[in-house]
């Protein structure tokens, strides 16, 4: 209950800042104010992070960046390098001696990688 009273005083003091001197903060109050400011700042940061996630996930290319294991902020060199690495890993020729199911999965994955790379290249213009 004491904390709530102190928070209430801090809140009132913030509202009545024009009446400076109406309430003087002691060390505990300063600490409470710091904690409240920290929590408010964390709330704003979380809101910004959530907006960035929403923007990223709603981006039409987000699916393609995920396929290549990249973020939209990736450099062109990163995109090219990841594409080459994934194609080397999933190229159907590497699975020629495996069963049909494994070979088909590799073909599907390599087509998916190619499509992602093509879409990103078109969008980024390289």
Protein backbone atom coordinates (compact mmCIF):
# COMPACT_ATOMS: atom_id res chain seq x y z
CA UNK A 1 0.00 0.00 0.00
CA UNK A 2 2.89 2.37 0.72
CA UNK A 3 4.21 1.83 -2.79
CA UNK A 4 0.84 2.74 -4.27
CA UNK A 5 0.72 5.89 -2.14
CA UNK A 6 4.20 6.85 -3.29
CA UNK A 7 3.34 6.12 -6.91
CA UNK A 8 0.24 8.25 -6.52
CA UNK A 9 2.34 11.12 -5.11
CA UNK A 10 4.83 10.75 -7.95
CA UNK A 11 2.03 10.74 -10.47
CA UNK A 12 0.46 13.83 -8.92
CA UNK A 13 3.85 15.53 -8.79
CA UNK A 14 4.38 14.80 -12.49
CA UNK A 15 0.96 16.23 -13.32
CA UNK A 16 1.55 19.31 -11.21
CA UNK A 17 5.10 19.98 -12.38
CA UNK A 18 4.21 23.63 -12.75
CA UNK A 19 3.77 23.71 -8.97
CA UNK A 20 7.42 22.91 -8.34
CA UNK A 21 8.17 22.37 -4.72
CA UNK A 22 4.72 21.03 -3.93
CA UNK A 23 6.26 17.62 -3.32
CA UNK A 24 9.91 16.81 -2.78
CA UNK A 25 11.17 13.41 -3.72
CA UNK A 26 13.13 11.35 -1.24
CA UNK A 27 15.52 8.58 -2.29
CA UNK A 28 12.84 5.88 -2.28
CA UNK A 29 10.55 8.05 -4.37
CA UNK A 30 13.35 8.73 -6.83
CA UNK A 31 13.90 4.99 -7.10
CA UNK A 32 10.18 4.40 -7.70
CA UNK A 33 10.13 7.12 -10.33
CA UNK A 34 13.16 5.57 -12.02
CA UNK A 35 11.45 2.16 -12.04
CA UNK A 36 8.25 3.61 -13.47
CA UNK A 37 10.19 5.46 -16.17
CA UNK A 38 12.10 2.27 -16.96
CA UNK A 39 8.87 0.28 -17.23
CA UNK A 40 7.31 2.93 -19.48
CA UNK A 41 10.37 2.95 -21.69
CA UNK A 42 10.33 -0.87 -21.85
CA UNK A 43 6.65 -0.75 -22.80
CA UNK A 44 7.42 1.65 -25.68
CA UNK A 45 10.33 -0.53 -26.83
CA UNK A 46 8.14 -3.66 -26.76
CA UNK A 47 5.46 -1.87 -28.76
CA UNK A 48 8.05 -0.82 -31.37
CA UNK A 49 9.44 -4.38 -31.54
CA UNK A 50 5.97 -5.79 -32.04
CA UNK A 51 5.29 -3.29 -34.82
CA UNK A 52 8.57 -4.25 -36.49
CA UNK A 53 7.63 -7.94 -36.25
CA UNK A 54 4.22 -7.23 -37.75
CA UNK A 55 5.78 -5.21 -40.56
CA UNK A 56 8.32 -7.95 -41.21
CA UNK A 57 5.80 -10.77 -41.18
CA UNK A 58 3.33 -8.84 -43.33
CA UNK A 59 6.03 -8.05 -45.89
CA UNK A 60 5.31 -9.91 -49.14
CA UNK A 61 8.92 -11.06 -49.28
CA UNK A 62 9.18 -12.24 -45.66
CA UNK A 63 8.34 -15.78 -46.73
CA UNK A 64 11.21 -15.75 -49.23
CA UNK A 65 13.71 -14.30 -46.77
CA UNK A 66 12.70 -17.04 -44.30
CA UNK A 67 13.32 -19.71 -46.93
CA UNK A 68 16.85 -18.37 -47.42
CA UNK A 69 17.31 -18.00 -43.66
CA UNK A 70 17.80 -14.23 -43.89
CA UNK A 71 16.23 -10.97 -42.79
CA UNK A 72 15.10 -8.14 -45.08
CA UNK A 73 18.11 -6.14 -43.87
CA UNK A 74 20.54 -8.65 -45.39
CA UNK A 75 23.11 -7.44 -47.85
CA UNK A 76 23.16 -8.59 -51.45
CA UNK A 77 26.31 -10.59 -50.71
CA UNK A 78 24.58 -12.34 -47.80
CA UNK A 79 21.64 -13.21 -50.04
CA UNK A 80 23.90 -14.61 -52.77
CA UNK A 81 26.04 -16.56 -50.31
CA UNK A 82 23.07 -18.12 -48.52
CA UNK A 83 21.47 -19.01 -51.84
CA UNK A 84 24.64 -20.77 -53.03
CA UNK A 85 25.09 -22.55 -49.71
CA UNK A 86 21.48 -23.81 -49.68
CA UNK A 87 21.58 -24.88 -53.33
CA UNK A 88 24.75 -26.82 -52.70
CA UNK A 89 23.09 -28.50 -49.74
CA UNK A 90 19.76 -29.32 -51.43
CA UNK A 91 20.70 -29.71 -55.09
CA UNK A 92 18.83 -32.74 -56.50
CA UNK A 93 22.00 -34.19 -58.05
CA UNK A 94 23.36 -34.80 -54.55
CA UNK A 95 20.38 -37.07 -53.90
CA UNK A 96 20.47 -39.05 -57.16
CA UNK A 97 21.34 -42.30 -55.38
CA UNK A 98 18.68 -41.91 -52.70
CA UNK A 99 15.10 -43.16 -52.78
CA UNK A 100 12.41 -41.36 -54.81
CA UNK A 101 10.85 -39.65 -51.81
CA UNK A 102 14.15 -38.11 -50.67
CA UNK A 103 15.01 -37.06 -54.22
CA UNK A 104 11.59 -35.41 -54.68
CA UNK A 105 11.94 -33.57 -51.39
CA UNK A 106 15.33 -32.24 -52.50
CA UNK A 107 13.85 -31.14 -55.84
CA UNK A 108 10.98 -29.39 -54.08
CA UNK A 109 13.32 -27.65 -51.66
CA UNK A 110 15.70 -26.51 -54.41
CA UNK A 111 12.76 -25.12 -56.42
CA UNK A 112 11.59 -23.27 -53.32
CA UNK A 113 15.10 -21.82 -52.82
CA UNK A 114 15.31 -20.79 -56.48
CA UNK A 115 11.91 -19.11 -56.34
CA UNK A 116 12.84 -17.20 -53.17
CA UNK A 117 16.14 -16.05 -54.66
CA UNK A 118 14.46 -14.96 -57.91
CA UNK A 119 11.73 -12.99 -56.11
CA UNK A 120 14.23 -11.24 -53.83
CA UNK A 121 16.54 -10.45 -56.75
CA UNK A 122 13.68 -8.88 -58.70
CA UNK A 123 12.54 -6.86 -55.72
CA UNK A 124 16.04 -5.69 -54.76
CA UNK A 125 17.13 -5.16 -58.37
CA UNK A 126 20.33 -7.15 -58.60
